[in-house]
């Protein structure tokens, strides 16, 4: 079987649920709940997601879905690229 890797860049509005074990979790407007395991360091500098001050706040979310095909199993990684707080 051929190995493949694909990326798709997306944006959505979403509610920040929390930050736990290195994952930032958001509830998106389409009702998906996504755990972002890769987070741009600039985001953590601008928004301290770990301290809880941004829980239940709405953001415009820019992220990348990274699809990997490894050993007949598809694997998806979500990378949080940028955030903008909606006021």
N, C-alpha and C. Protein backbone atom coordinates (compact mmCIF):
# COMPACT_ATOMS: atom_id res chain seq x y z
N UNK A 1 0.84 -1.18 0.00
CA UNK A 1 0.00 0.00 0.00
C UNK A 1 0.88 1.24 0.00
N UNK A 2 0.45 2.26 -0.71
CA UNK A 2 1.19 3.51 -0.79
C UNK A 2 0.93 4.38 0.43
N UNK A 3 1.98 5.00 0.91
CA UNK A 3 1.89 5.94 2.02
C UNK A 3 1.46 7.30 1.46
N UNK A 4 0.58 7.98 2.18
CA UNK A 4 0.24 9.33 1.76
C UNK A 4 0.13 10.24 2.96
N UNK A 5 0.30 11.53 2.69
CA UNK A 5 0.19 12.56 3.71
C UNK A 5 -0.49 13.74 3.03
N UNK A 6 -1.53 14.27 3.65
CA UNK A 6 -2.25 15.41 3.08
C UNK A 6 -2.61 16.38 4.18
N UNK A 7 -2.67 17.65 3.81
CA UNK A 7 -3.03 18.69 4.76
C UNK A 7 -4.21 19.47 4.21
N UNK A 8 -5.08 19.88 5.12
CA UNK A 8 -6.21 20.71 4.75
C UNK A 8 -6.31 21.82 5.79
N UNK A 9 -6.28 23.08 5.32
CA UNK A 9 -6.38 24.22 6.22
C UNK A 9 -7.83 24.69 6.28
N UNK A 10 -8.32 24.89 7.50
CA UNK A 10 -9.73 25.22 7.72
C UNK A 10 -9.85 26.36 8.72
N UNK A 11 -11.05 26.94 8.80
CA UNK A 11 -11.35 27.91 9.84
C UNK A 11 -12.79 27.70 10.30
N UNK A 12 -13.03 28.09 11.54
CA UNK A 12 -14.36 27.92 12.12
C UNK A 12 -14.46 28.80 13.36
N UNK A 13 -15.66 29.05 13.80
CA UNK A 13 -15.86 29.68 15.10
C UNK A 13 -16.05 28.55 16.10
N UNK A 14 -15.58 28.78 17.34
CA UNK A 14 -15.73 27.73 18.33
C UNK A 14 -15.57 28.25 19.75
N UNK A 15 -16.07 27.47 20.68
CA UNK A 15 -16.02 27.75 22.10
C UNK A 15 -14.85 26.99 22.71
N UNK A 16 -14.00 27.70 23.44
CA UNK A 16 -12.87 27.04 24.10
C UNK A 16 -13.39 26.30 25.33
N UNK A 17 -13.18 24.99 25.35
CA UNK A 17 -13.63 24.15 26.46
C UNK A 17 -12.57 24.07 27.54
N UNK A 18 -11.31 23.90 27.15
CA UNK A 18 -10.26 23.82 28.15
C UNK A 18 -8.97 23.28 27.58
N UNK A 19 -7.96 23.26 28.44
CA UNK A 19 -6.62 22.79 28.08
C UNK A 19 -6.24 21.71 29.08
N UNK A 20 -6.02 20.49 28.59
CA UNK A 20 -5.72 19.38 29.47
C UNK A 20 -4.72 18.45 28.80
N UNK A 21 -3.68 18.10 29.52
CA UNK A 21 -2.67 17.15 29.05
C UNK A 21 -2.05 17.55 27.71
N UNK A 22 -1.86 18.87 27.50
CA UNK A 22 -1.23 19.34 26.28
C UNK A 22 -2.16 19.50 25.10
N UNK A 23 -3.45 19.30 25.29
CA UNK A 23 -4.45 19.43 24.23
C UNK A 23 -5.36 20.61 24.51
N UNK A 24 -5.57 21.45 23.51
CA UNK A 24 -6.55 22.54 23.59
C UNK A 24 -7.83 22.03 22.93
N UNK A 25 -8.94 22.06 23.66
CA UNK A 25 -10.19 21.49 23.17
C UNK A 25 -11.19 22.60 22.87
N UNK A 26 -11.78 22.53 21.67
CA UNK A 26 -12.76 23.51 21.23
C UNK A 26 -14.02 22.80 20.74
N UNK A 27 -15.17 23.42 21.01
CA UNK A 27 -16.45 22.96 20.49
C UNK A 27 -16.79 23.87 19.31
N UNK A 28 -16.73 23.33 18.10
CA UNK A 28 -16.91 24.13 16.89
C UNK A 28 -18.38 24.39 16.60
N UNK A 29 -18.62 25.39 15.76
CA UNK A 29 -19.98 25.78 15.41
C UNK A 29 -20.75 24.68 14.67
N UNK A 30 -20.05 23.74 14.05
CA UNK A 30 -20.71 22.62 13.38
C UNK A 30 -20.97 21.45 14.33
N UNK A 31 -20.76 21.67 15.62
CA UNK A 31 -20.99 20.72 16.71
C UNK A 31 -19.87 19.69 16.89
N UNK A 32 -18.80 19.78 16.11
CA UNK A 32 -17.63 18.93 16.33
C UNK A 32 -16.87 19.41 17.56
N UNK A 33 -16.28 18.48 18.28
CA UNK A 33 -15.38 18.81 19.36
C UNK A 33 -14.00 18.31 18.95
N UNK A 34 -13.03 19.23 18.93
CA UNK A 34 -11.69 18.90 18.44
C UNK A 34 -10.66 19.15 19.53
N UNK A 35 -9.79 18.17 19.70
CA UNK A 35 -8.62 18.29 20.57
C UNK A 35 -7.43 18.62 19.69
N UNK A 36 -6.87 19.80 19.87
CA UNK A 36 -5.70 20.21 19.10
C UNK A 36 -4.45 19.77 19.83
N UNK A 37 -3.69 18.88 19.22
CA UNK A 37 -2.48 18.38 19.87
C UNK A 37 -1.24 19.14 19.46
N UNK A 38 -1.31 19.86 18.36
CA UNK A 38 -0.22 20.75 17.96
C UNK A 38 -0.75 22.17 18.02
N UNK A 39 -0.02 23.02 18.75
CA UNK A 39 -0.46 24.40 18.94
C UNK A 39 0.71 25.33 18.63
N UNK A 40 0.45 26.30 17.77
CA UNK A 40 1.46 27.29 17.44
C UNK A 40 1.87 28.01 18.72
N UNK A 41 3.17 28.09 18.99
CA UNK A 41 3.66 28.69 20.23
C UNK A 41 3.25 30.14 20.39
N UNK A 42 3.08 30.83 19.29
CA UNK A 42 2.64 32.22 19.34
C UNK A 42 1.26 32.33 19.99
N UNK A 43 0.41 31.35 19.77
CA UNK A 43 -0.93 31.35 20.36
C UNK A 43 -0.83 31.28 21.88
N UNK A 44 0.03 30.40 22.38
CA UNK A 44 0.16 30.26 23.83
C UNK A 44 0.79 31.49 24.47
N UNK A 45 1.54 32.27 23.70
CA UNK A 45 2.09 33.52 24.19
C UNK A 45 1.00 34.58 24.28
N UNK A 46 0.16 34.64 23.25
CA UNK A 46 -0.90 35.65 23.19
C UNK A 46 -2.08 35.30 24.09
N UNK A 47 -2.46 34.04 24.11
CA UNK A 47 -3.59 33.56 24.92
C UNK A 47 -3.08 32.46 25.83
N UNK A 48 -3.02 32.71 27.11
CA UNK A 48 -2.57 31.68 28.06
C UNK A 48 -3.73 30.72 28.29
N UNK A 49 -3.86 29.75 27.39
CA UNK A 49 -4.98 28.81 27.45
C UNK A 49 -4.92 27.90 28.66
N UNK A 50 -3.75 27.78 29.25
CA UNK A 50 -3.58 26.85 30.37
C UNK A 50 -4.17 27.37 31.68
N UNK A 51 -4.31 28.69 31.83
CA UNK A 51 -4.74 29.22 33.11
C UNK A 51 -6.25 29.25 33.31
N UNK A 52 -7.03 28.97 32.29
CA UNK A 52 -8.48 28.89 32.44
C UNK A 52 -9.23 30.20 32.20
N UNK A 53 -8.53 31.31 31.99
CA UNK A 53 -9.20 32.59 31.78
C UNK A 53 -10.01 32.65 30.49
N UNK A 54 -9.70 31.79 29.54
CA UNK A 54 -10.39 31.82 28.25
C UNK A 54 -11.42 30.71 28.09
N UNK A 55 -11.66 29.96 29.17
CA UNK A 55 -12.70 28.92 29.12
C UNK A 55 -14.04 29.58 28.82
N UNK A 56 -14.81 28.91 27.96
CA UNK A 56 -16.15 29.37 27.57
C UNK A 56 -16.14 30.70 26.81
N UNK A 57 -15.02 31.02 26.18
CA UNK A 57 -14.93 32.19 25.31
C UNK A 57 -14.95 31.70 23.86
N UNK A 58 -15.51 32.55 22.99
CA UNK A 58 -15.60 32.20 21.58
C UNK A 58 -14.41 32.78 20.81
N UNK A 59 -13.92 31.96 19.87
CA UNK A 59 -12.77 32.32 19.05
C UNK A 59 -13.06 32.02 17.59
N UNK A 60 -12.41 32.76 16.73
CA UNK A 60 -12.27 32.37 15.32
C UNK A 60 -11.03 31.49 15.32
N UNK A 61 -11.16 30.28 14.81
CA UNK A 61 -10.11 29.26 14.89
C UNK A 61 -9.60 28.95 13.49
N UNK A 62 -8.29 28.98 13.33
CA UNK A 62 -7.65 28.61 12.07
C UNK A 62 -6.78 27.39 12.35
N UNK A 63 -7.04 26.32 11.63
CA UNK A 63 -6.34 25.08 11.94
C UNK A 63 -6.09 24.24 10.70
N UNK A 64 -5.21 23.26 10.87
CA UNK A 64 -4.86 22.35 9.79
C UNK A 64 -5.17 20.93 10.22
N UNK A 65 -5.82 20.19 9.34
CA UNK A 65 -6.00 18.74 9.52
C UNK A 65 -4.89 18.06 8.74
N UNK A 66 -4.12 17.24 9.42
CA UNK A 66 -3.02 16.54 8.78
C UNK A 66 -3.38 15.06 8.74
N UNK A 67 -3.55 14.54 7.54
CA UNK A 67 -3.93 13.15 7.34
C UNK A 67 -2.69 12.33 7.02
N UNK A 68 -2.47 11.27 7.75
CA UNK A 68 -1.37 10.35 7.47
C UNK A 68 -1.95 8.94 7.31
N UNK A 69 -1.45 8.24 6.34
CA UNK A 69 -1.81 6.84 6.14
C UNK A 69 -0.62 5.99 6.54
N UNK A 70 -0.72 5.36 7.67
CA UNK A 70 0.36 4.51 8.18
C UNK A 70 -0.16 3.10 8.38
N UNK A 71 0.44 2.14 7.73
CA UNK A 71 0.10 0.73 7.93
C UNK A 71 -1.40 0.45 7.85
N UNK A 72 -2.04 0.90 6.80
CA UNK A 72 -3.46 0.67 6.55
C UNK A 72 -4.39 1.38 7.53
N UNK A 73 -3.86 2.22 8.40
CA UNK A 73 -4.69 2.99 9.32
C UNK A 73 -4.54 4.47 9.00
N UNK A 74 -5.67 5.15 8.85
CA UNK A 74 -5.63 6.60 8.67
C UNK A 74 -5.49 7.25 10.03
N UNK A 75 -4.66 8.27 10.10
CA UNK A 75 -4.38 8.96 11.34
C UNK A 75 -4.52 10.45 11.07
N UNK A 76 -5.30 11.15 11.90
CA UNK A 76 -5.52 12.59 11.72
C UNK A 76 -4.95 13.34 12.92
N UNK A 77 -4.16 14.36 12.63
CA UNK A 77 -3.62 15.25 13.66
C UNK A 77 -4.21 16.63 13.41
N UNK A 78 -4.67 17.29 14.46
CA UNK A 78 -5.20 18.64 14.35
C UNK A 78 -4.17 19.62 14.89
N UNK A 79 -3.81 20.60 14.06
CA UNK A 79 -2.82 21.60 14.42
C UNK A 79 -3.49 22.97 14.49
N UNK A 80 -3.44 23.60 15.65
CA UNK A 80 -4.03 24.92 15.86
C UNK A 80 -3.02 25.97 15.38
N UNK A 81 -3.39 26.67 14.29
CA UNK A 81 -2.48 27.61 13.65
C UNK A 81 -2.63 29.05 14.15
N UNK A 82 -3.89 29.46 14.41
CA UNK A 82 -4.11 30.83 14.84
C UNK A 82 -5.47 30.93 15.54
N UNK A 83 -5.58 31.89 16.43
CA UNK A 83 -6.82 32.16 17.16
C UNK A 83 -7.07 33.66 17.17
N UNK A 84 -8.34 34.04 17.11
CA UNK A 84 -8.72 35.42 17.31
C UNK A 84 -9.93 35.42 18.23
N UNK A 85 -9.81 36.08 19.38
CA UNK A 85 -10.89 36.17 20.33
C UNK A 85 -12.04 36.98 19.74
N UNK A 86 -13.25 36.44 19.84
CA UNK A 86 -14.44 37.14 19.36
C UNK A 86 -15.02 37.90 20.54
N UNK A 87 -15.12 39.20 20.39
CA UNK A 87 -15.61 40.04 21.51
C UNK A 87 -17.04 40.42 21.35
